[in-house]
Amino acid sequence: MQIHQIGRQITLTSRLDDLGHLPLKELKTLGGGTAVGMDPIGTKEGDWVFTIANSAARDAAGDKRLLSDLTVSGIIDNWQDIINPDDK
């Protein structure tokens, strides 16, 4: 599992049937990188989340047939307080 911050929703004008119809979100890493993952739980921009990668991401998306290598699996409450404890 990894920690990411939700960015914008990705809009696809066309996609493979095996991608399903779950929303795709831009995911920002703590190190400044960017990834894209499926969002079956309905996050909003700015949320801190944990993600599941690789073959387990398909189970996390809710269907083993979906082509996903990264899936949002939970929203972290108060993550800003943990990574920036001096900002209070």
PDB file of N, CA and C in Angstrom:
ATOM      1  N   MET A   1       0.840  -1.183   0.000  1.00  0.00           N
ATOM      2  CA  MET A   1       0.000   0.000   0.000  1.00  0.00           C
ATOM      3  C   MET A   1       0.878   1.237   0.000  1.00  0.00           C
ATOM      4  N   GLN A   2       0.355   2.284  -0.599  1.00  0.00           N
ATOM      5  CA  GLN A   2       1.044   3.564  -0.634  1.00  0.00           C
ATOM      6  C   GLN A   2       0.063   4.670  -0.286  1.00  0.00           C
ATOM      7  N   ILE A   3       0.623   5.815   0.093  1.00  0.00           N
ATOM      8  CA  ILE A   3      -0.176   7.002   0.392  1.00  0.00           C
ATOM      9  C   ILE A   3      -0.108   7.940  -0.808  1.00  0.00           C
ATOM     10  N   HIS A   4      -1.258   8.451  -1.240  1.00  0.00           N
ATOM     11  CA  HIS A   4      -1.340   9.412  -2.342  1.00  0.00           C
ATOM     12  C   HIS A   4      -2.321  10.526  -1.968  1.00  0.00           C
ATOM     13  N   GLN A   5      -2.201  11.647  -2.675  1.00  0.00           N
ATOM     14  CA  GLN A   5      -3.201  12.704  -2.571  1.00  0.00           C
ATOM     15  C   GLN A   5      -3.954  12.754  -3.899  1.00  0.00           C
ATOM     16  N   ILE A   6      -5.263  12.862  -3.802  1.00  0.00           N
ATOM     17  CA  ILE A   6      -6.111  12.881  -5.003  1.00  0.00           C
ATOM     18  C   ILE A   6      -5.950  14.205  -5.731  1.00  0.00           C
ATOM     19  N   GLY A   7      -5.733  14.096  -7.036  1.00  0.00           N
ATOM     20  CA  GLY A   7      -5.709  15.266  -7.914  1.00  0.00           C
ATOM     21  C   GLY A   7      -7.006  15.324  -8.698  1.00  0.00           C
ATOM     22  N   ARG A   8      -6.891  15.683  -9.943  1.00  0.00           N
ATOM     23  CA  ARG A   8      -8.078  15.826 -10.787  1.00  0.00           C
ATOM     24  C   ARG A   8      -8.614  14.487 -11.268  1.00  0.00           C
ATOM     25  N   GLN A   9      -9.883  14.474 -11.637  1.00  0.00           N
ATOM     26  CA  GLN A   9     -10.457  13.290 -12.287  1.00  0.00           C
ATOM     27  C   GLN A   9      -9.982  13.267 -13.728  1.00  0.00           C
ATOM     28  N   ILE A  10      -9.638  12.089 -14.211  1.00  0.00           N
ATOM     29  CA  ILE A  10      -9.188  11.909 -15.582  1.00  0.00           C
ATOM     30  C   ILE A  10     -10.398  11.541 -16.433  1.00  0.00           C
ATOM     31  N   THR A  11     -10.592  12.246 -17.539  1.00  0.00           N
ATOM     32  CA  THR A  11     -11.704  11.973 -18.440  1.00  0.00           C
ATOM     33  C   THR A  11     -11.168  11.278 -19.685  1.00  0.00           C
ATOM     34  N   LEU A  12     -11.745  10.130 -19.992  1.00  0.00           N
ATOM     35  CA  LEU A  12     -11.361   9.377 -21.186  1.00  0.00           C
ATOM     36  C   LEU A  12     -12.495   9.452 -22.198  1.00  0.00           C
ATOM     37  N   THR A  13     -12.180   9.826 -23.417  1.00  0.00           N
ATOM     38  CA  THR A  13     -13.216   9.869 -24.445  1.00  0.00           C
ATOM     39  C   THR A  13     -13.509   8.481 -24.992  1.00  0.00           C
ATOM     40  N   SER A  14     -12.583   7.554 -24.792  1.00  0.00           N
ATOM     41  CA  SER A  14     -12.760   6.175 -25.223  1.00  0.00           C
ATOM     42  C   SER A  14     -11.908   5.301 -24.314  1.00  0.00           C
ATOM     43  N   ARG A  15     -12.396   4.103 -24.006  1.00  0.00           N
ATOM     44  CA  ARG A  15     -11.611   3.187 -23.182  1.00  0.00           C
ATOM     45  C   ARG A  15     -11.956   1.746 -23.497  1.00  0.00           C
ATOM     46  N   LEU A  16     -11.017   0.862 -23.187  1.00  0.00           N
ATOM     47  CA  LEU A  16     -11.251  -0.565 -23.348  1.00  0.00           C
ATOM     48  C   LEU A  16     -12.382  -1.014 -22.439  1.00  0.00           C
ATOM     49  N   ASP A  17     -13.177  -1.968 -22.874  1.00  0.00           N
ATOM     50  CA  ASP A  17     -14.264  -2.493 -22.049  1.00  0.00           C
ATOM     51  C   ASP A  17     -13.740  -3.042 -20.728  1.00  0.00           C
ATOM     52  N   ASP A  18     -12.540  -3.633 -20.757  1.00  0.00           N
ATOM     53  CA  ASP A  18     -11.981  -4.245 -19.545  1.00  0.00           C
ATOM     54  C   ASP A  18     -11.510  -3.234 -18.507  1.00  0.00           C
ATOM     55  N   LEU A  19     -11.576  -1.934 -18.817  1.00  0.00           N
ATOM     56  CA  LEU A  19     -11.290  -0.918 -17.807  1.00  0.00           C
ATOM     57  C   LEU A  19     -12.533  -0.620 -16.969  1.00  0.00           C
ATOM     58  N   GLY A  20     -13.671  -1.109 -17.410  1.00  0.00           N
ATOM     59  CA  GLY A  20     -14.899  -0.841 -16.669  1.00  0.00           C
ATOM     60  C   GLY A  20     -15.268   0.633 -16.762  1.00  0.00           C
ATOM     61  N   HIS A  21     -16.078   1.093 -15.809  1.00  0.00           N
ATOM     62  CA  HIS A  21     -16.531   2.486 -15.847  1.00  0.00           C
ATOM     63  C   HIS A  21     -16.303   3.207 -14.527  1.00  0.00           C
ATOM     64  N   LEU A  22     -15.340   2.727 -13.738  1.00  0.00           N
ATOM     65  CA  LEU A  22     -14.995   3.432 -12.506  1.00  0.00           C
ATOM     66  C   LEU A  22     -14.256   4.719 -12.840  1.00  0.00           C
ATOM     67  N   PRO A  23     -14.423   5.754 -12.024  1.00  0.00           N
ATOM     68  CA  PRO A  23     -13.675   6.990 -12.262  1.00  0.00           C
ATOM     69  C   PRO A  23     -12.174   6.745 -12.142  1.00  0.00           C
ATOM     70  N   LEU A  24     -11.411   7.447 -12.950  1.00  0.00           N
ATOM     71  CA  LEU A  24      -9.956   7.420 -12.857  1.00  0.00           C
ATOM     72  C   LEU A  24      -9.499   8.749 -12.273  1.00  0.00           C
ATOM     73  N   LYS A  25      -8.559   8.698 -11.329  1.00  0.00           N
ATOM     74  CA  LYS A  25      -8.092   9.911 -10.663  1.00  0.00           C
ATOM     75  C   LYS A  25      -6.580  10.055 -10.795  1.00  0.00           C
ATOM     76  N   GLU A  26      -6.144  11.300 -10.882  1.00  0.00           N
ATOM     77  CA  GLU A  26      -4.727  11.615 -10.798  1.00  0.00           C
ATOM     78  C   GLU A  26      -4.329  11.435  -9.334  1.00  0.00           C
ATOM     79  N   LEU A  27      -3.227  10.735  -9.095  1.00  0.00           N
ATOM     80  CA  LEU A  27      -2.753  10.482  -7.737  1.00  0.00           C
ATOM     81  C   LEU A  27      -1.357  11.058  -7.588  1.00  0.00           C
ATOM     82  N   LYS A  28      -1.182  11.956  -6.632  1.00  0.00           N
ATOM     83  CA  LYS A  28       0.122  12.581  -6.395  1.00  0.00           C
ATOM     84  C   LYS A  28       0.824  11.847  -5.261  1.00  0.00           C
ATOM     85  N   THR A  29       2.070  11.461  -5.490  1.00  0.00           N
ATOM     86  CA  THR A  29       2.829  10.737  -4.471  1.00  0.00           C
ATOM     87  C   THR A  29       3.459  11.719  -3.484  1.00  0.00           C
ATOM     88  N   LEU A  30       3.859  11.220  -2.328  1.00  0.00           N
ATOM     89  CA  LEU A  30       4.537  12.050  -1.340  1.00  0.00           C
ATOM     90  C   LEU A  30       5.862  12.578  -1.876  1.00  0.00           C
ATOM     91  N   GLY A  31       6.472  11.844  -2.803  1.00  0.00           N
ATOM     92  CA  GLY A  31       7.744  12.254  -3.384  1.00  0.00           C
ATOM     93  C   GLY A  31       7.611  13.204  -4.564  1.00  0.00           C
ATOM     94  N   GLY A  32       6.393  13.578  -4.925  1.00  0.00           N
ATOM     95  CA  GLY A  32       6.181  14.527  -6.009  1.00  0.00           C
ATOM     96  C   GLY A  32       5.834  13.906  -7.349  1.00  0.00           C
ATOM     97  N   GLY A  33       5.739  12.587  -7.426  1.00  0.00           N
ATOM     98  CA  GLY A  33       5.378  11.917  -8.671  1.00  0.00           C
ATOM     99  C   GLY A  33       3.874  11.914  -8.896  1.00  0.00           C
ATOM    100  N   THR A  34       3.487  11.422 -10.054  1.00  0.00           N
ATOM    101  CA  THR A  34       2.075  11.345 -10.423  1.00  0.00           C
ATOM    102  C   THR A  34       1.763   9.954 -10.962  1.00  0.00           C
ATOM    103  N   ALA A  35       0.602   9.450 -10.608  1.00  0.00           N
ATOM    104  CA  ALA A  35       0.108   8.173 -11.110  1.00  0.00           C
ATOM    105  C   ALA A  35      -1.378   8.333 -11.400  1.00  0.00           C
ATOM    106  N   VAL A  36      -1.976   7.306 -11.994  1.00  0.00           N
ATOM    107  CA  VAL A  36      -3.418   7.287 -12.246  1.00  0.00           C
ATOM    108  C   VAL A  36      -3.958   5.986 -11.687  1.00  0.00           C
ATOM    109  N   GLY A  37      -5.084   6.070 -10.978  1.00  0.00           N
ATOM    110  CA  GLY A  37      -5.684   4.874 -10.423  1.00  0.00           C
ATOM    111  C   GLY A  37      -7.201   4.930 -10.475  1.00  0.00           C
ATOM    112  N   MET A  38      -7.814   3.761 -10.336  1.00  0.00           N
ATOM    113  CA  MET A  38      -9.277   3.667 -10.277  1.00  0.00           C
ATOM    114  C   MET A  38      -9.758   4.102  -8.895  1.00  0.00           C
ATOM    115  N   ASP A  39     -10.931   4.729  -8.874  1.00  0.00           N
ATOM    116  CA  ASP A  39     -11.488   5.234  -7.620  1.00  0.00           C
ATOM    117  C   ASP A  39     -12.892   4.670  -7.398  1.00  0.00           C
ATOM    118  N   PRO A  40     -13.002   3.491  -6.784  1.00  0.00           N
ATOM    119  CA  PRO A  40     -14.323   2.909  -6.550  1.00  0.00           C
ATOM    120  C   PRO A  40     -15.033   3.473  -5.322  1.00  0.00           C
ATOM    121  N   ILE A  41     -14.361   4.344  -4.542  1.00  0.00           N
ATOM    122  CA  ILE A  41     -14.973   4.807  -3.290  1.00  0.00           C
ATOM    123  C   ILE A  41     -15.468   6.245  -3.324  1.00  0.00           C
ATOM    124  N   GLY A  42     -15.189   6.984  -4.397  1.00  0.00           N
ATOM    125  CA  GLY A  42     -15.735   8.330  -4.537  1.00  0.00           C
ATOM    126  C   GLY A  42     -14.990   9.406  -3.771  1.00  0.00           C
ATOM    127  N   THR A  43     -13.707   9.556  -4.029  1.00  0.00           N
ATOM    128  CA  THR A  43     -12.906  10.581  -3.360  1.00  0.00           C
ATOM    129  C   THR A  43     -13.100  11.929  -4.027  1.00  0.00           C
ATOM    130  N   LYS A  44     -12.611  12.972  -3.357  1.00  0.00           N
ATOM    131  CA  LYS A  44     -12.638  14.308  -3.947  1.00  0.00           C
ATOM    132  C   LYS A  44     -11.217  14.861  -3.990  1.00  0.00           C
ATOM    133  N   GLU A  45     -10.996  15.848  -4.832  1.00  0.00           N
ATOM    134  CA  GLU A  45      -9.677  16.438  -4.993  1.00  0.00           C
ATOM    135  C   GLU A  45      -9.150  16.932  -3.649  1.00  0.00           C
ATOM    136  N   GLY A  46      -7.899  16.596  -3.349  1.00  0.00           N
ATOM    137  CA  GLY A  46      -7.275  16.999  -2.099  1.00  0.00           C
ATOM    138  C   GLY A  46      -7.295  15.934  -1.014  1.00  0.00           C
ATOM    139  N   ASP A  47      -8.162  14.924  -1.160  1.00  0.00           N
ATOM    140  CA  ASP A  47      -8.200  13.838  -0.171  1.00  0.00           C
ATOM    141  C   ASP A  47      -6.869  13.102  -0.143  1.00  0.00           C
ATOM    142  N   TRP A  48      -6.459  12.672   1.046  1.00  0.00           N
ATOM    143  CA  TRP A  48      -5.317  11.777   1.206  1.00  0.00           C
ATOM    144  C   TRP A  48      -5.875  10.365   1.293  1.00  0.00           C
ATOM    145  N   VAL A  49      -5.278   9.453   0.529  1.00  0.00           N
ATOM    146  CA  VAL A  49      -5.806   8.098   0.426  1.00  0.00           C
ATOM    147  C   VAL A  49      -4.685   7.078   0.511  1.00  0.00           C
ATOM    148  N   PHE A  50      -5.056   5.826   0.776  1.00  0.00           N
ATOM    149  CA  PHE A  50      -4.095   4.758   0.575  1.00  0.00           C
ATOM    150  C   PHE A  50      -4.557   3.955  -0.626  1.00  0.00           C
ATOM    151  N   THR A  51      -3.583   3.433  -1.343  1.00  0.00           N
ATOM    152  CA  THR A  51      -3.873   2.714  -2.577  1.00  0.00           C
ATOM    153  C   THR A  51      -3.307   1.301  -2.510  1.00  0.00           C
ATOM    154  N   ILE A  52      -3.889   0.441  -3.301  1.00  0.00           N
ATOM    155  CA  ILE A  52      -3.421  -0.934  -3.436  1.00  0.00           C
ATOM    156  C   ILE A  52      -2.970  -1.111  -4.880  1.00  0.00           C
ATOM    157  N   ALA A  53      -1.800  -1.721  -5.059  1.00  0.00           N
ATOM    158  CA  ALA A  53      -1.197  -1.835  -6.390  1.00  0.00           C
ATOM    159  C   ALA A  53      -1.100  -3.285  -6.842  1.00  0.00           C
ATOM    160  N   ASN A  54      -0.708  -3.425  -8.100  1.00  0.00           N
ATOM    161  CA  ASN A  54      -0.434  -4.710  -8.745  1.00  0.00           C
ATOM    162  C   ASN A  54      -1.696  -5.557  -8.859  1.00  0.00           C
ATOM    163  N   SER A  55      -1.594  -6.872  -8.778  1.00  0.00           N
ATOM    164  CA  SER A  55      -2.760  -7.729  -9.017  1.00  0.00           C
ATOM    165  C   SER A  55      -3.843  -7.551  -7.953  1.00  0.00           C
ATOM    166  N   ALA A  56      -3.476  -7.162  -6.731  1.00  0.00           N
ATOM    167  CA  ALA A  56      -4.468  -6.924  -5.683  1.00  0.00           C
ATOM    168  C   ALA A  56      -5.346  -5.714  -6.004  1.00  0.00           C
ATOM    169  N   ALA A  57      -4.875  -4.828  -6.875  1.00  0.00           N
ATOM    170  CA  ALA A  57      -5.662  -3.652  -7.264  1.00  0.00           C
ATOM    171  C   ALA A  57      -6.943  -4.057  -7.983  1.00  0.00           C
ATOM    172  N   ARG A  58      -6.913  -5.162  -8.674  1.00  0.00           N
ATOM    173  CA  ARG A  58      -8.125  -5.632  -9.368  1.00  0.00           C
ATOM    174  C   ARG A  58      -9.188  -6.056  -8.357  1.00  0.00           C
ATOM    175  N   ASP A  59      -8.777  -6.775  -7.326  1.00  0.00           N
ATOM    176  CA  ASP A  59      -9.720  -7.151  -6.262  1.00  0.00           C
ATOM    177  C   ASP A  59     -10.260  -5.901  -5.571  1.00  0.00           C
ATOM    178  N   ALA A  60      -9.385  -4.946  -5.301  1.00  0.00           N
ATOM    179  CA  ALA A  60      -9.799  -3.714  -4.615  1.00  0.00           C
ATOM    180  C   ALA A  60     -10.786  -2.913  -5.460  1.00  0.00           C
ATOM    181  N   ALA A  61     -10.678  -3.020  -6.783  1.00  0.00           N
ATOM    182  CA  ALA A  61     -11.603  -2.310  -7.675  1.00  0.00           C
ATOM    183  C   ALA A  61     -12.983  -2.964  -7.701  1.00  0.00           C
ATOM    184  N   GLY A  62     -13.067  -4.184  -7.162  1.00  0.00           N
ATOM    185  CA  GLY A  62     -14.364  -4.844  -7.074  1.00  0.00           C
ATOM    186  C   GLY A  62     -14.630  -5.896  -8.130  1.00  0.00           C
ATOM    187  N   ASP A  63     -13.684  -6.082  -9.049  1.00  0.00           N
ATOM    188  CA  ASP A  63     -13.881  -7.063 -10.116  1.00  0.00           C
ATOM    189  C   ASP A  63     -12.512  -7.497 -10.628  1.00  0.00           C
ATOM    190  N   LYS A  64     -12.183  -8.760 -10.484  1.00  0.00           N
ATOM    191  CA  LYS A  64     -10.875  -9.272 -10.895  1.00  0.00           C
ATOM    192  C   LYS A  64     -10.624  -9.122 -12.393  1.00  0.00           C
ATOM    193  N   ARG A  65     -11.688  -8.909 -13.160  1.00  0.00           N
ATOM    194  CA  ARG A  65     -11.530  -8.784 -14.617  1.00  0.00           C
ATOM    195  C   ARG A  65     -11.105  -7.389 -15.049  1.00  0.00           C
ATOM    196  N   LEU A  66     -11.224  -6.386 -14.158  1.00  0.00           N
ATOM    197  CA  LEU A  66     -10.855  -5.015 -14.524  1.00  0.00           C
ATOM    198  C   LEU A  66      -9.350  -4.883 -14.674  1.00  0.00           C
ATOM    199  N   LEU A  67      -8.935  -4.140 -15.687  1.00  0.00           N
ATOM    200  CA  LEU A  67      -7.508  -3.912 -15.931  1.00  0.00           C
ATOM    201  C   LEU A  67      -7.046  -2.724 -15.091  1.00  0.00           C
ATOM    202  N   SER A  68      -6.625  -3.009 -13.883  1.00  0.00           N
ATOM    203  CA  SER A  68      -6.147  -1.954 -12.990  1.00  0.00           C
ATOM    204  C   SER A  68      -4.887  -2.418 -12.280  1.00  0.00           C
ATOM    205  N   ASP A  69      -3.896  -1.544 -12.221  1.00  0.00           N
ATOM    206  CA  ASP A  69      -2.691  -1.815 -11.446  1.00  0.00           C
ATOM    207  C   ASP A  69      -2.612  -0.918 -10.218  1.00  0.00           C
ATOM    208  N   LEU A  70      -3.584   0.002 -10.057  1.00  0.00           N
ATOM    209  CA  LEU A  70      -3.590   0.903  -8.910  1.00  0.00           C
ATOM    210  C   LEU A  70      -5.030   1.300  -8.601  1.00  0.00           C
ATOM    211  N   THR A  71      -5.461   1.058  -7.367  1.00  0.00           N
ATOM    212  CA  THR A  71      -6.837   1.345  -6.965  1.00  0.00           C
ATOM    213  C   THR A  71      -6.847   2.056  -5.621  1.00  0.00           C
ATOM    214  N   VAL A  72      -7.635   3.127  -5.538  1.00  0.00           N
ATOM    215  CA  VAL A  72      -7.843   3.829  -4.271  1.00  0.00           C
ATOM    216  C   VAL A  72      -8.666   2.913  -3.374  1.00  0.00           C
ATOM    217  N   SER A  73      -8.217   2.748  -2.124  1.00  0.00           N
ATOM    218  CA  SER A  73      -8.881   1.790  -1.244  1.00  0.00           C
ATOM    219  C   SER A  73      -9.377   2.375   0.062  1.00  0.00           C
ATOM    220  N   GLY A  74      -9.001   3.585   0.390  1.00  0.00           N
ATOM    221  CA  GLY A  74      -9.487   4.193   1.621  1.00  0.00           C
ATOM    222  C   GLY A  74      -9.067   5.646   1.726  1.00  0.00           C
ATOM    223  N   ILE A  75      -9.894   6.449   2.381  1.00  0.00           N
ATOM    224  CA  ILE A  75      -9.590   7.865   2.625  1.00  0.00           C
ATOM    225  C   ILE A  75      -8.995   7.985   4.021  1.00  0.00           C
ATOM    226  N   ILE A  76      -7.888   8.719   4.126  1.00  0.00           N
ATOM    227  CA  ILE A  76      -7.211   8.906   5.406  1.00  0.00           C
ATOM    228  C   ILE A  76      -7.708  10.210   6.036  1.00  0.00           C
ATOM    229  N   ASP A  77      -8.228  10.125   7.241  1.00  0.00           N
ATOM    230  CA  ASP A  77      -8.676  11.316   7.963  1.00  0.00           C
ATOM    231  C   ASP A  77      -7.494  11.970   8.661  1.00  0.00           C
ATOM    232  N   ASN A  78      -7.436  13.286   8.630  1.00  0.00           N
ATOM    233  CA  ASN A  78      -6.432  14.074   9.356  1.00  0.00           C
ATOM    234  C   ASN A  78      -5.001  13.778   8.947  1.00  0.00           C
ATOM    235  N   TRP A  79      -4.752  13.408   7.699  1.00  0.00           N
ATOM    236  CA  TRP A  79      -3.387  13.112   7.257  1.00  0.00           C
ATOM    237  C   TRP A  79      -2.508  14.360   7.317  1.00  0.00           C
ATOM    238  N   GLN A  80      -3.052  15.539   7.037  1.00  0.00           N
ATOM    239  CA  GLN A  80      -2.270  16.774   7.128  1.00  0.00           C
ATOM    240  C   GLN A  80      -1.683  16.945   8.525  1.00  0.00           C
ATOM    241  N   ASP A  81      -2.439  16.568   9.553  1.00  0.00           N
ATOM    242  CA  ASP A  81      -1.949  16.682  10.921  1.00  0.00           C
ATOM    243  C   ASP A  81      -0.755  15.761  11.164  1.00  0.00           C
ATOM    244  N   ILE A  82      -0.700  14.645  10.456  1.00  0.00           N
ATOM    245  CA  ILE A  82       0.377  13.685  10.649  1.00  0.00           C
ATOM    246  C   ILE A  82       1.637  14.137   9.907  1.00  0.00           C
ATOM    247  N   ILE A  83       1.508  14.623   8.669  1.00  0.00           N
ATOM    248  CA  ILE A  83       2.706  14.975   7.908  1.00  0.00           C
ATOM    249  C   ILE A  83       3.203  16.382   8.197  1.00  0.00           C
ATOM    250  N   ASN A  84       2.376  17.242   8.769  1.00  0.00           N
ATOM    251  CA  ASN A  84       2.763  18.609   9.106  1.00  0.00           C
ATOM    252  C   ASN A  84       2.391  18.952  10.544  1.00  0.00           C
ATOM    253  N   PRO A  85       2.924  18.247  11.546  1.00  0.00           N
ATOM    254  CA  PRO A  85       2.491  18.470  12.921  1.00  0.00           C
ATOM    255  C   PRO A  85       2.816  19.872  13.448  1.00  0.00           C
ATOM    256  N   ASP A  86       3.776  20.581  12.847  1.00  0.00           N
ATOM    257  CA  ASP A  86       4.146  21.930  13.320  1.00  0.00           C
ATOM    258  C   ASP A  86       3.254  23.030  12.745  1.00  0.00           C
ATOM    259  N   ASP A  87       2.364  22.685  11.822  1.00  0.00           N
ATOM    260  CA  ASP A  87       1.499  23.676  11.178  1.00  0.00           C
ATOM    261  C   ASP A  87       0.249  23.999  11.989  1.00  0.00           C
ATOM    262  N   LYS A  88       0.120  23.482  13.174  1.00  0.00           N
ATOM    263  CA  LYS A  88      -1.087  23.719  13.973  1.00  0.00           C
ATOM    264  C   LYS A  88      -1.080  25.077  14.618  1.00  0.00           C
TER     265      LYS A  88
END
